[in-house]
PDB file of N, CA and C in Angstrom:
ATOM      1  N   UNK A   1      13.447  16.668   4.528  1.00  0.00           N
ATOM      2  CA  UNK A   1      12.208  15.935   4.723  1.00  0.00           C
ATOM      3  C   UNK A   1      12.478  14.765   5.665  1.00  0.00           C
ATOM      4  N   UNK A   2      11.465  14.421   6.456  1.00  0.00           N
ATOM      5  CA  UNK A   2      11.580  13.312   7.387  1.00  0.00           C
ATOM      6  C   UNK A   2      10.740  12.131   6.920  1.00  0.00           C
ATOM      7  N   UNK A   3      11.262  10.925   7.146  1.00  0.00           N
ATOM      8  CA  UNK A   3      10.521   9.697   6.937  1.00  0.00           C
ATOM      9  C   UNK A   3      10.671   8.863   8.206  1.00  0.00           C
ATOM     10  N   UNK A   4       9.826   7.833   8.334  1.00  0.00           N
ATOM     11  CA  UNK A   4       9.737   7.110   9.588  1.00  0.00           C
ATOM     12  C   UNK A   4       9.767   5.602   9.391  1.00  0.00           C
ATOM     13  N   UNK A   5      10.350   4.929  10.377  1.00  0.00           N
ATOM     14  CA  UNK A   5      10.412   3.473  10.405  1.00  0.00           C
ATOM     15  C   UNK A   5       9.838   3.007  11.731  1.00  0.00           C
ATOM     16  N   UNK A   6       8.932   2.056  11.672  1.00  0.00           N
ATOM     17  CA  UNK A   6       8.437   1.393  12.871  1.00  0.00           C
ATOM     18  C   UNK A   6       9.229   0.101  12.998  1.00  0.00           C
ATOM     19  N   UNK A   7       9.822  -0.104  14.157  1.00  0.00           N
ATOM     20  CA  UNK A   7      10.584  -1.343  14.336  1.00  0.00           C
ATOM     21  C   UNK A   7      10.474  -1.822  15.778  1.00  0.00           C
ATOM     22  N   UNK A   8      10.789  -3.080  15.972  1.00  0.00           N
ATOM     23  CA  UNK A   8      10.751  -3.678  17.296  1.00  0.00           C
ATOM     24  C   UNK A   8      11.934  -3.227  18.138  1.00  0.00           C
ATOM     25  N   UNK A   9      11.726  -3.209  19.449  1.00  0.00           N
ATOM     26  CA  UNK A   9      12.777  -2.819  20.391  1.00  0.00           C
ATOM     27  C   UNK A   9      14.056  -3.625  20.183  1.00  0.00           C
ATOM     28  N   UNK A  10      13.923  -4.938  20.050  1.00  0.00           N
ATOM     29  CA  UNK A  10      15.088  -5.809  19.910  1.00  0.00           C
ATOM     30  C   UNK A  10      15.835  -5.527  18.605  1.00  0.00           C
ATOM     31  N   UNK A  11      15.109  -5.301  17.519  1.00  0.00           N
ATOM     32  CA  UNK A  11      15.750  -4.945  16.246  1.00  0.00           C
ATOM     33  C   UNK A  11      16.603  -3.693  16.419  1.00  0.00           C
ATOM     34  N   UNK A  12      16.048  -2.710  17.123  1.00  0.00           N
ATOM     35  CA  UNK A  12      16.747  -1.443  17.280  1.00  0.00           C
ATOM     36  C   UNK A  12      17.956  -1.588  18.202  1.00  0.00           C
ATOM     37  N   UNK A  13      17.816  -2.373  19.266  1.00  0.00           N
ATOM     38  CA  UNK A  13      18.954  -2.632  20.150  1.00  0.00           C
ATOM     39  C   UNK A  13      20.105  -3.267  19.371  1.00  0.00           C
ATOM     40  N   UNK A  14      19.785  -4.229  18.503  1.00  0.00           N
ATOM     41  CA  UNK A  14      20.820  -4.864  17.679  1.00  0.00           C
ATOM     42  C   UNK A  14      21.461  -3.862  16.727  1.00  0.00           C
ATOM     43  N   UNK A  15      20.673  -2.954  16.186  1.00  0.00           N
ATOM     44  CA  UNK A  15      21.225  -1.924  15.291  1.00  0.00           C
ATOM     45  C   UNK A  15      22.185  -1.016  16.040  1.00  0.00           C
ATOM     46  N   UNK A  16      21.832  -0.646  17.260  1.00  0.00           N
ATOM     47  CA  UNK A  16      22.710   0.223  18.048  1.00  0.00           C
ATOM     48  C   UNK A  16      24.035  -0.464  18.361  1.00  0.00           C
ATOM     49  N   UNK A  17      23.997  -1.753  18.590  1.00  0.00           N
ATOM     50  CA  UNK A  17      25.222  -2.509  18.862  1.00  0.00           C
ATOM     51  C   UNK A  17      26.101  -2.599  17.616  1.00  0.00           C
ATOM     52  N   UNK A  18      25.478  -2.882  16.478  1.00  0.00           N
ATOM     53  CA  UNK A  18      26.248  -3.076  15.241  1.00  0.00           C
ATOM     54  C   UNK A  18      26.575  -1.764  14.528  1.00  0.00           C
ATOM     55  N   UNK A  19      25.810  -0.695  14.829  1.00  0.00           N
ATOM     56  CA  UNK A  19      26.042   0.591  14.182  1.00  0.00           C
ATOM     57  C   UNK A  19      25.305   0.771  12.870  1.00  0.00           C
ATOM     58  N   UNK A  20      24.481  -0.212  12.497  1.00  0.00           N
ATOM     59  CA  UNK A  20      23.734  -0.129  11.245  1.00  0.00           C
ATOM     60  C   UNK A  20      22.441  -0.921  11.387  1.00  0.00           C
ATOM     61  N   UNK A  21      21.400  -0.466  10.743  1.00  0.00           N
ATOM     62  CA  UNK A  21      20.120  -1.177  10.773  1.00  0.00           C
ATOM     63  C   UNK A  21      19.934  -1.869   9.425  1.00  0.00           C
ATOM     64  N   UNK A  22      19.983  -3.208   9.389  1.00  0.00           N
ATOM     65  CA  UNK A  22      19.857  -3.918   8.119  1.00  0.00           C
ATOM     66  C   UNK A  22      18.420  -4.064   7.641  1.00  0.00           C
ATOM     67  N   UNK A  23      17.462  -3.806   8.531  1.00  0.00           N
ATOM     68  CA  UNK A  23      16.056  -3.950   8.189  1.00  0.00           C
ATOM     69  C   UNK A  23      15.414  -5.086   8.959  1.00  0.00           C
ATOM     70  N   UNK A  24      14.092  -5.109   8.923  1.00  0.00           N
ATOM     71  CA  UNK A  24      13.316  -6.169   9.565  1.00  0.00           C
ATOM     72  C   UNK A  24      13.346  -7.419   8.686  1.00  0.00           C
ATOM     73  N   UNK A  25      12.756  -8.491   9.164  1.00  0.00           N
ATOM     74  CA  UNK A  25      12.651  -9.704   8.345  1.00  0.00           C
ATOM     75  C   UNK A  25      11.898  -9.411   7.048  1.00  0.00           C
ATOM     76  N   UNK A  26      10.821  -8.613   7.144  1.00  0.00           N
ATOM     77  CA  UNK A  26      10.067  -8.242   5.935  1.00  0.00           C
ATOM     78  C   UNK A  26      10.919  -7.419   4.979  1.00  0.00           C
ATOM     79  N   UNK A  27      11.698  -6.487   5.525  1.00  0.00           N
ATOM     80  CA  UNK A  27      12.584  -5.667   4.692  1.00  0.00           C
ATOM     81  C   UNK A  27      13.597  -6.547   3.962  1.00  0.00           C
ATOM     82  N   UNK A  28      14.210  -7.458   4.704  1.00  0.00           N
ATOM     83  CA  UNK A  28      15.219  -8.339   4.110  1.00  0.00           C
ATOM     84  C   UNK A  28      14.597  -9.213   3.024  1.00  0.00           C
ATOM     85  N   UNK A  29      13.388  -9.696   3.261  1.00  0.00           N
ATOM     86  CA  UNK A  29      12.686 -10.511   2.258  1.00  0.00           C
ATOM     87  C   UNK A  29      12.407  -9.700   0.990  1.00  0.00           C
ATOM     88  N   UNK A  30      11.986  -8.436   1.163  1.00  0.00           N
ATOM     89  CA  UNK A  30      11.591  -7.607   0.024  1.00  0.00           C
ATOM     90  C   UNK A  30      12.768  -6.947  -0.689  1.00  0.00           C
ATOM     91  N   UNK A  31      13.938  -6.923  -0.045  1.00  0.00           N
ATOM     92  CA  UNK A  31      15.120  -6.356  -0.683  1.00  0.00           C
ATOM     93  C   UNK A  31      15.292  -4.862  -0.480  1.00  0.00           C
ATOM     94  N   UNK A  32      14.486  -4.262   0.390  1.00  0.00           N
ATOM     95  CA  UNK A  32      14.614  -2.844   0.708  1.00  0.00           C
ATOM     96  C   UNK A  32      13.993  -2.601   2.073  1.00  0.00           C
ATOM     97  N   UNK A  33      14.359  -1.465   2.689  1.00  0.00           N
ATOM     98  CA  UNK A  33      13.806  -1.098   3.985  1.00  0.00           C
ATOM     99  C   UNK A  33      12.578  -0.222   3.758  1.00  0.00           C
ATOM    100  N   UNK A  34      11.461  -0.654   4.333  1.00  0.00           N
ATOM    101  CA  UNK A  34      10.185   0.057   4.218  1.00  0.00           C
ATOM    102  C   UNK A  34      10.144   1.245   5.173  1.00  0.00           C
ATOM    103  N   UNK A  35       9.748   2.388   4.667  1.00  0.00           N
ATOM    104  CA  UNK A  35       9.527   3.584   5.467  1.00  0.00           C
ATOM    105  C   UNK A  35       8.124   4.107   5.195  1.00  0.00           C
ATOM    106  N   UNK A  36       7.710   5.068   5.988  1.00  0.00           N
ATOM    107  CA  UNK A  36       6.434   5.763   5.785  1.00  0.00           C
ATOM    108  C   UNK A  36       6.648   7.246   6.016  1.00  0.00           C
ATOM    109  N   UNK A  37       5.809   8.036   5.397  1.00  0.00           N
ATOM    110  CA  UNK A  37       5.761   9.455   5.725  1.00  0.00           C
ATOM    111  C   UNK A  37       4.903   9.591   6.985  1.00  0.00           C
ATOM    112  N   UNK A  38       4.875  10.776   7.568  1.00  0.00           N
ATOM    113  CA  UNK A  38       4.053  11.000   8.762  1.00  0.00           C
ATOM    114  C   UNK A  38       2.586  10.669   8.479  1.00  0.00           C
ATOM    115  N   UNK A  39       2.102  11.039   7.315  1.00  0.00           N
ATOM    116  CA  UNK A  39       0.708  10.791   6.963  1.00  0.00           C
ATOM    117  C   UNK A  39       0.375   9.337   6.688  1.00  0.00           C
ATOM    118  N   UNK A  40       1.365   8.507   6.461  1.00  0.00           N
ATOM    119  CA  UNK A  40       1.152   7.089   6.170  1.00  0.00           C
ATOM    120  C   UNK A  40       1.302   6.192   7.400  1.00  0.00           C
ATOM    121  N   UNK A  41       1.792   6.753   8.495  1.00  0.00           N
ATOM    122  CA  UNK A  41       2.150   5.937   9.663  1.00  0.00           C
ATOM    123  C   UNK A  41       0.990   5.174  10.282  1.00  0.00           C
ATOM    124  N   UNK A  42      -0.149   5.804  10.463  1.00  0.00           N
ATOM    125  CA  UNK A  42      -1.268   5.112  11.108  1.00  0.00           C
ATOM    126  C   UNK A  42      -1.696   3.901  10.295  1.00  0.00           C
ATOM    127  N   UNK A  43      -1.757   4.036   8.989  1.00  0.00           N
ATOM    128  CA  UNK A  43      -2.112   2.905   8.132  1.00  0.00           C
ATOM    129  C   UNK A  43      -1.081   1.796   8.193  1.00  0.00           C
ATOM    130  N   UNK A  44       0.193   2.167   8.203  1.00  0.00           N
ATOM    131  CA  UNK A  44       1.265   1.183   8.298  1.00  0.00           C
ATOM    132  C   UNK A  44       1.191   0.436   9.625  1.00  0.00           C
ATOM    133  N   UNK A  45       1.000   1.167  10.709  1.00  0.00           N
ATOM    134  CA  UNK A  45       0.939   0.540  12.032  1.00  0.00           C
ATOM    135  C   UNK A  45      -0.240  -0.421  12.133  1.00  0.00           C
ATOM    136  N   UNK A  46      -1.404  -0.009  11.667  1.00  0.00           N
ATOM    137  CA  UNK A  46      -2.582  -0.867  11.793  1.00  0.00           C
ATOM    138  C   UNK A  46      -2.503  -2.083  10.877  1.00  0.00           C
ATOM    139  N   UNK A  47      -1.883  -1.938   9.717  1.00  0.00           N
ATOM    140  CA  UNK A  47      -1.802  -3.063   8.779  1.00  0.00           C
ATOM    141  C   UNK A  47      -0.701  -4.057   9.150  1.00  0.00           C
ATOM    142  N   UNK A  48       0.451  -3.573   9.585  1.00  0.00           N
ATOM    143  CA  UNK A  48       1.610  -4.454   9.773  1.00  0.00           C
ATOM    144  C   UNK A  48       2.024  -4.675  11.231  1.00  0.00           C
ATOM    145  N   UNK A  49       1.525  -3.865  12.155  1.00  0.00           N
ATOM    146  CA  UNK A  49       2.003  -3.941  13.539  1.00  0.00           C
ATOM    147  C   UNK A  49       0.872  -3.966  14.568  1.00  0.00           C
ATOM    148  N   UNK A  50      -0.329  -4.280  14.155  1.00  0.00           N
ATOM    149  CA  UNK A  50      -1.485  -4.244  15.058  1.00  0.00           C
ATOM    150  C   UNK A  50      -1.236  -5.072  16.317  1.00  0.00           C
ATOM    151  N   UNK A  51      -1.508  -4.451  17.460  1.00  0.00           N
ATOM    152  CA  UNK A  51      -1.411  -5.138  18.732  1.00  0.00           C
ATOM    153  C   UNK A  51      -0.016  -5.282  19.312  1.00  0.00           C
ATOM    154  N   UNK A  52       1.014  -4.934  18.572  1.00  0.00           N
ATOM    155  CA  UNK A  52       2.384  -5.073  19.089  1.00  0.00           C
ATOM    156  C   UNK A  52       2.709  -3.953  20.052  1.00  0.00           C
ATOM    157  N   UNK A  53       3.267  -4.338  21.188  1.00  0.00           N
ATOM    158  CA  UNK A  53       3.598  -3.379  22.233  1.00  0.00           C
ATOM    159  C   UNK A  53       5.083  -3.083  22.319  1.00  0.00           C
ATOM    160  N   UNK A  54       5.903  -3.760  21.547  1.00  0.00           N
ATOM    161  CA  UNK A  54       7.369  -3.654  21.665  1.00  0.00           C
ATOM    162  C   UNK A  54       7.968  -2.774  20.586  1.00  0.00           C
ATOM    163  N   UNK A  55       7.284  -1.697  20.224  1.00  0.00           N
ATOM    164  CA  UNK A  55       7.685  -0.929  19.044  1.00  0.00           C
ATOM    165  C   UNK A  55       8.295   0.431  19.369  1.00  0.00           C
ATOM    166  N   UNK A  56       9.136   0.856  18.445  1.00  0.00           N
ATOM    167  CA  UNK A  56       9.701   2.197  18.445  1.00  0.00           C
ATOM    168  C   UNK A  56       9.363   2.850  17.113  1.00  0.00           C
ATOM    169  N   UNK A  57       9.297   4.148  17.129  1.00  0.00           N
ATOM    170  CA  UNK A  57       9.142   4.932  15.915  1.00  0.00           C
ATOM    171  C   UNK A  57      10.428   5.731  15.751  1.00  0.00           C
ATOM    172  N   UNK A  58      11.097   5.526  14.634  1.00  0.00           N
ATOM    173  CA  UNK A  58      12.377   6.173  14.393  1.00  0.00           C
ATOM    174  C   UNK A  58      12.201   7.177  13.255  1.00  0.00           C
ATOM    175  N   UNK A  59      12.708   8.382  13.462  1.00  0.00           N
ATOM    176  CA  UNK A  59      12.607   9.468  12.493  1.00  0.00           C
ATOM    177  C   UNK A  59      13.950   9.643  11.787  1.00  0.00           C
ATOM    178  N   UNK A  60      13.919   9.722  10.471  1.00  0.00           N
ATOM    179  CA  UNK A  60      15.132   9.859   9.658  1.00  0.00           C
ATOM    180  C   UNK A  60      15.040  11.095   8.780  1.00  0.00           C
ATOM    181  N   UNK A  61      16.172  11.696   8.551  1.00  0.00           N
ATOM    182  CA  UNK A  61      16.292  12.814   7.628  1.00  0.00           C
ATOM    183  C   UNK A  61      16.679  12.251   6.258  1.00  0.00           C
ATOM    184  N   UNK A  62      15.883  12.528   5.238  1.00  0.00           N
ATOM    185  CA  UNK A  62      16.127  11.933   3.921  1.00  0.00           C
ATOM    186  C   UNK A  62      17.422  12.405   3.271  1.00  0.00           C
ATOM    187  N   UNK A  63      17.940  13.569   3.676  1.00  0.00           N
ATOM    188  CA  UNK A  63      19.185  14.073   3.083  1.00  0.00           C
ATOM    189  C   UNK A  63      20.328  13.080   3.202  1.00  0.00           C
ATOM    190  N   UNK A  64      20.328  12.268   4.254  1.00  0.00           N
ATOM    191  CA  UNK A  64      21.397  11.295   4.486  1.00  0.00           C
ATOM    192  C   UNK A  64      21.186  10.000   3.706  1.00  0.00           C
ATOM    193  N   UNK A  65      20.073   9.885   2.981  1.00  0.00           N
ATOM    194  CA  UNK A  65      19.722   8.624   2.325  1.00  0.00           C
ATOM    195  C   UNK A  65      19.559   8.751   0.819  1.00  0.00           C
ATOM    196  N   UNK A  66      19.825   9.909   0.278  1.00  0.00           N
ATOM    197  CA  UNK A  66      19.492  10.217  -1.115  1.00  0.00           C
ATOM    198  C   UNK A  66      19.921   9.162  -2.129  1.00  0.00           C
ATOM    199  N   UNK A  67      21.126   8.681  -2.042  1.00  0.00           N
ATOM    200  CA  UNK A  67      21.634   7.765  -3.070  1.00  0.00           C
ATOM    201  C   UNK A  67      20.871   6.452  -3.142  1.00  0.00           C
ATOM    202  N   UNK A  68      20.320   6.002  -2.030  1.00  0.00           N
ATOM    203  CA  UNK A  68      19.668   4.697  -1.982  1.00  0.00           C
ATOM    204  C   UNK A  68      18.159   4.771  -1.776  1.00  0.00           C
ATOM    205  N   UNK A  69      17.605   5.970  -1.640  1.00  0.00           N
ATOM    206  CA  UNK A  69      16.180   6.133  -1.352  1.00  0.00           C
ATOM    207  C   UNK A  69      15.383   6.292  -2.641  1.00  0.00           C
ATOM    208  N   UNK A  70      14.314   5.501  -2.746  1.00  0.00           N
ATOM    209  CA  UNK A  70      13.416   5.593  -3.899  1.00  0.00           C
ATOM    210  C   UNK A  70      11.986   5.702  -3.397  1.00  0.00           C
ATOM    211  N   UNK A  71      11.187   6.467  -4.111  1.00  0.00           N
ATOM    212  CA  UNK A  71       9.764   6.608  -3.795  1.00  0.00           C
ATOM    213  C   UNK A  71       9.003   5.737  -4.777  1.00  0.00           C
ATOM    214  N   UNK A  72       8.313   4.724  -4.245  1.00  0.00           N
ATOM    215  CA  UNK A  72       7.660   3.739  -5.107  1.00  0.00           C
ATOM    216  C   UNK A  72       6.207   3.527  -4.688  1.00  0.00           C
ATOM    217  N   UNK A  73       5.377   3.223  -5.678  1.00  0.00           N
ATOM    218  CA  UNK A  73       3.956   2.988  -5.424  1.00  0.00           C
ATOM    219  C   UNK A  73       3.777   1.741  -4.576  1.00  0.00           C
ATOM    220  N   UNK A  74       2.886   1.849  -3.617  1.00  0.00           N
ATOM    221  CA  UNK A  74       2.584   0.723  -2.736  1.00  0.00           C
ATOM    222  C   UNK A  74       1.102   0.786  -2.406  1.00  0.00           C
ATOM    223  N   UNK A  75       0.755   0.669  -1.150  1.00  0.00           N
ATOM    224  CA  UNK A  75      -0.631   0.601  -0.691  1.00  0.00           C
ATOM    225  C   UNK A  75      -1.493   1.689  -1.342  1.00  0.00           C
ATOM    226  N   UNK A  76      -2.479   1.266  -2.115  1.00  0.00           N
ATOM    227  CA  UNK A  76      -3.408   2.198  -2.750  1.00  0.00           C
ATOM    228  C   UNK A  76      -2.777   3.087  -3.800  1.00  0.00           C
ATOM    229  N   UNK A  77      -1.589   2.724  -4.279  1.00  0.00           N
ATOM    230  CA  UNK A  77      -0.902   3.513  -5.284  1.00  0.00           C
ATOM    231  C   UNK A  77      -0.115   4.684  -4.723  1.00  0.00           C
ATOM    232  N   UNK A  78      -0.161   4.869  -3.398  1.00  0.00           N
ATOM    233  CA  UNK A  78       0.588   5.966  -2.769  1.00  0.00           C
ATOM    234  C   UNK A  78       2.087   5.696  -2.863  1.00  0.00           C
ATOM    235  N   UNK A  79       2.867   6.764  -2.983  1.00  0.00           N
ATOM    236  CA  UNK A  79       4.318   6.622  -3.030  1.00  0.00           C
ATOM    237  C   UNK A  79       4.869   6.492  -1.620  1.00  0.00           C
ATOM    238  N   UNK A  80       5.618   5.427  -1.409  1.00  0.00           N
ATOM    239  CA  UNK A  80       6.257   5.165  -0.119  1.00  0.00           C
ATOM    240  C   UNK A  80       7.762   5.210  -0.297  1.00  0.00           C
ATOM    241  N   UNK A  81       8.477   5.692   0.711  1.00  0.00           N
ATOM    242  CA  UNK A  81       9.941   5.696   0.644  1.00  0.00           C
ATOM    243  C   UNK A  81      10.499   4.308   0.946  1.00  0.00           C
ATOM    244  N   UNK A  82      11.386   3.851   0.075  1.00  0.00           N
ATOM    245  CA  UNK A  82      12.059   2.559   0.225  1.00  0.00           C
ATOM    246  C   UNK A  82      13.557   2.784   0.120  1.00  0.00           C
ATOM    247  N   UNK A  83      14.295   2.206   1.046  1.00  0.00           N
ATOM    248  CA  UNK A  83      15.755   2.339   1.041  1.00  0.00           C
ATOM    249  C   UNK A  83      16.382   1.046   0.567  1.00  0.00           C
ATOM    250  N   UNK A  84      17.167   1.132  -0.478  1.00  0.00           N
ATOM    251  CA  UNK A  84      17.862  -0.027  -1.030  1.00  0.00           C
ATOM    252  C   UNK A  84      19.287  -0.032  -0.501  1.00  0.00           C
ATOM    253  N   UNK A  85      19.462  -0.688   0.627  1.00  0.00           N
ATOM    254  CA  UNK A  85      20.760  -0.773   1.269  1.00  0.00           C
ATOM    255  C   UNK A  85      20.591  -0.630   2.765  1.00  0.00           C
ATOM    256  N   UNK A  86      21.668  -0.837   3.506  1.00  0.00           N
ATOM    257  CA  UNK A  86      21.586  -0.711   4.967  1.00  0.00           C
ATOM    258  C   UNK A  86      21.367   0.740   5.377  1.00  0.00           C
ATOM    259  N   UNK A  87      20.793   0.884   6.529  1.00  0.00           N
ATOM    260  CA  UNK A  87      20.436   2.203   7.034  1.00  0.00           C
ATOM    261  C   UNK A  87      21.493   2.705   8.004  1.00  0.00           C
ATOM    262  N   UNK A  88      22.195   3.785   7.654  1.00  0.00           N
ATOM    263  CA  UNK A  88      23.189   4.334   8.574  1.00  0.00           C
ATOM    264  C   UNK A  88      22.506   5.020   9.762  1.00  0.00           C
ATOM    265  N   UNK A  89      23.004   4.752  10.935  1.00  0.00           N
ATOM    266  CA  UNK A  89      22.399   5.353  12.128  1.00  0.00           C
ATOM    267  C   UNK A  89      22.605   6.866  12.187  1.00  0.00           C
ATOM    268  N   UNK A  90      23.547   7.386  11.414  1.00  0.00           N
ATOM    269  CA  UNK A  90      23.764   8.836  11.361  1.00  0.00           C
ATOM    270  C   UNK A  90      22.546   9.574  10.803  1.00  0.00           C
ATOM    271  N   UNK A  91      21.679   8.861  10.094  1.00  0.00           N
ATOM    272  CA  UNK A  91      20.484   9.472   9.517  1.00  0.00           C
ATOM    273  C   UNK A  91      19.364   9.646  10.539  1.00  0.00           C
ATOM    274  N   UNK A  92      19.491   9.033  11.704  1.00  0.00           N
ATOM    275  CA  UNK A  92      18.444   9.101  12.732  1.00  0.00           C
ATOM    276  C   UNK A  92      18.394  10.499  13.338  1.00  0.00           C
ATOM    277  N   UNK A  93      17.202  11.038  13.441  1.00  0.00           N
ATOM    278  CA  UNK A  93      17.022  12.341  14.055  1.00  0.00           C
ATOM    279  C   UNK A  93      16.366  12.240  15.419  1.00  0.00           C
ATOM    280  N   UNK A  94      15.510  11.245  15.602  1.00  0.00           N
ATOM    281  CA  UNK A  94      14.800  11.112  16.874  1.00  0.00           C
ATOM    282  C   UNK A  94      14.111   9.753  16.910  1.00  0.00           C
ATOM    283  N   UNK A  95      13.806   9.286  18.118  1.00  0.00           N
ATOM    284  CA  UNK A  95      13.014   8.069  18.265  1.00  0.00           C
ATOM    285  C   UNK A  95      12.037   8.226  19.417  1.00  0.00           C
ATOM    286  N   UNK A  96      10.954   7.494  19.339  1.00  0.00           N
ATOM    287  CA  UNK A  96       9.922   7.510  20.368  1.00  0.00           C
ATOM    288  C   UNK A  96       9.449   6.080  20.606  1.00  0.00           C
ATOM    289  N   UNK A  97       9.005   5.799  21.827  1.00  0.00           N
ATOM    290  CA  UNK A  97       8.253   4.573  22.071  1.00  0.00           C
ATOM    291  C   UNK A  97       6.929   4.701  21.343  1.00  0.00           C
ATOM    292  N   UNK A  98       6.380   3.563  20.926  1.00  0.00           N
ATOM    293  CA  UNK A  98       5.103   3.576  20.207  1.00  0.00           C
ATOM    294  C   UNK A  98       4.103   2.693  20.963  1.00  0.00           C
ATOM    295  N   UNK A  99       3.521   3.250  22.036  1.00  0.00           N
ATOM    296  CA  UNK A  99       2.630   2.455  22.881  1.00  0.00           C
ATOM    297  C   UNK A  99       1.258   2.254  22.246  1.00  0.00           C
ATOM    298  N   UNK A 100       0.542   1.307  22.812  1.00  0.00           N
ATOM    299  CA  UNK A 100      -0.849   1.098  22.428  1.00  0.00           C
ATOM    300  C   UNK A 100      -1.744   1.933  23.335  1.00  0.00           C
ATOM    301  N   UNK A 101      -2.746   2.534  22.751  1.00  0.00           N
ATOM    302  CA  UNK A 101      -3.726   3.278  23.522  1.00  0.00           C
ATOM    303  C   UNK A 101      -4.802   2.348  24.074  1.00  0.00           C
ATOM    304  N   UNK A 102      -5.711   2.889  24.829  1.00  0.00           N
ATOM    305  CA  UNK A 102      -6.797   2.092  25.404  1.00  0.00           C
ATOM    306  C   UNK A 102      -7.657   1.428  24.333  1.00  0.00           C
ATOM    307  N   UNK A 103      -7.706   2.022  23.150  1.00  0.00           N
ATOM    308  CA  UNK A 103      -8.497   1.459  22.055  1.00  0.00           C
ATOM    309  C   UNK A 103      -7.741   0.388  21.270  1.00  0.00           C
ATOM    310  N   UNK A 104      -6.494   0.089  21.672  1.00  0.00           N
ATOM    311  CA  UNK A 104      -5.701  -0.944  21.000  1.00  0.00           C
ATOM    312  C   UNK A 104      -4.924  -0.442  19.799  1.00  0.00           C
ATOM    313  N   UNK A 105      -5.047   0.842  19.498  1.00  0.00           N
ATOM    314  CA  UNK A 105      -4.302   1.423  18.369  1.00  0.00           C
ATOM    315  C   UNK A 105      -3.070   2.122  18.906  1.00  0.00           C
ATOM    316  N   UNK A 106      -2.052   2.219  18.070  1.00  0.00           N
ATOM    317  CA  UNK A 106      -0.811   2.872  18.494  1.00  0.00           C
ATOM    318  C   UNK A 106      -1.011   4.376  18.670  1.00  0.00           C
ATOM    319  N   UNK A 107      -0.334   4.905  19.670  1.00  0.00           N
ATOM    320  CA  UNK A 107      -0.406   6.322  19.988  1.00  0.00           C
ATOM    321  C   UNK A 107       0.863   6.984  19.463  1.00  0.00           C
ATOM    322  N   UNK A 108       0.701   7.864  18.493  1.00  0.00           N
ATOM    323  CA  UNK A 108       1.824   8.535  17.866  1.00  0.00           C
ATOM    324  C   UNK A 108       2.139   9.846  18.588  1.00  0.00           C
ATOM    325  N   UNK A 109       3.405  10.228  18.612  1.00  0.00           N
ATOM    326  CA  UNK A 109       3.782  11.471  19.298  1.00  0.00           C
ATOM    327  C   UNK A 109       3.189  12.699  18.598  1.00  0.00           C
ATOM    328  N   UNK A 110       2.767  13.685  19.386  1.00  0.00           N
ATOM    329  CA  UNK A 110       2.199  14.904  18.812  1.00  0.00           C
ATOM    330  C   UNK A 110       3.178  15.638  17.898  1.00  0.00           C
ATOM    331  N   UNK A 111       4.471  15.473  18.110  1.00  0.00           N
ATOM    332  CA  UNK A 111       5.490  16.164  17.319  1.00  0.00           C
ATOM    333  C   UNK A 111       5.428  15.780  15.833  1.00  0.00           C
ATOM    334  N   UNK A 112       4.772  14.680  15.495  1.00  0.00           N
ATOM    335  CA  UNK A 112       4.679  14.266  14.089  1.00  0.00           C
ATOM    336  C   UNK A 112       3.916  15.254  13.244  1.00  0.00           C
ATOM    337  N   UNK A 113       3.039  15.987  13.845  1.00  0.00           N
ATOM    338  CA  UNK A 113       2.262  16.972  13.088  1.00  0.00           C
ATOM    339  C   UNK A 113       3.178  18.017  12.447  1.00  0.00           C
ATOM    340  N   UNK A 114       4.381  18.192  12.983  1.00  0.00           N
ATOM    341  CA  UNK A 114       5.327  19.160  12.441  1.00  0.00           C
ATOM    342  C   UNK A 114       6.241  18.564  11.375  1.00  0.00           C
ATOM    343  N   UNK A 115       6.100  17.263  11.096  1.00  0.00           N
ATOM    344  CA  UNK A 115       7.014  16.574  10.174  1.00  0.00           C
ATOM    345  C   UNK A 115       6.521  16.618   8.753  1.00  0.00           C
TER     346      UNK A 115
END
């Protein structure tokens, strides 16, 4: 199964240098790394990243995260994937730029429909 993280370009550049993604400021504050399923991404982007142009969408394979991954109720009672611990870059399967469309909303890659 795949899960997704929206993060800033600079955050991701730092992760590539260090070899591990510790999470965003919000993740560090909450004590876990926030993820979304493909079906939750649009809501996550509009609620937490509206108007940001410096974003990437990173795709992870959950098999590499089993020991630290928990599914917990969040927005509207839906279960969201949360990772308790640093994120190994070996779990990354793909990344995409996450541009804004003409309507000001983020444009997600068509490949997500297969996730």
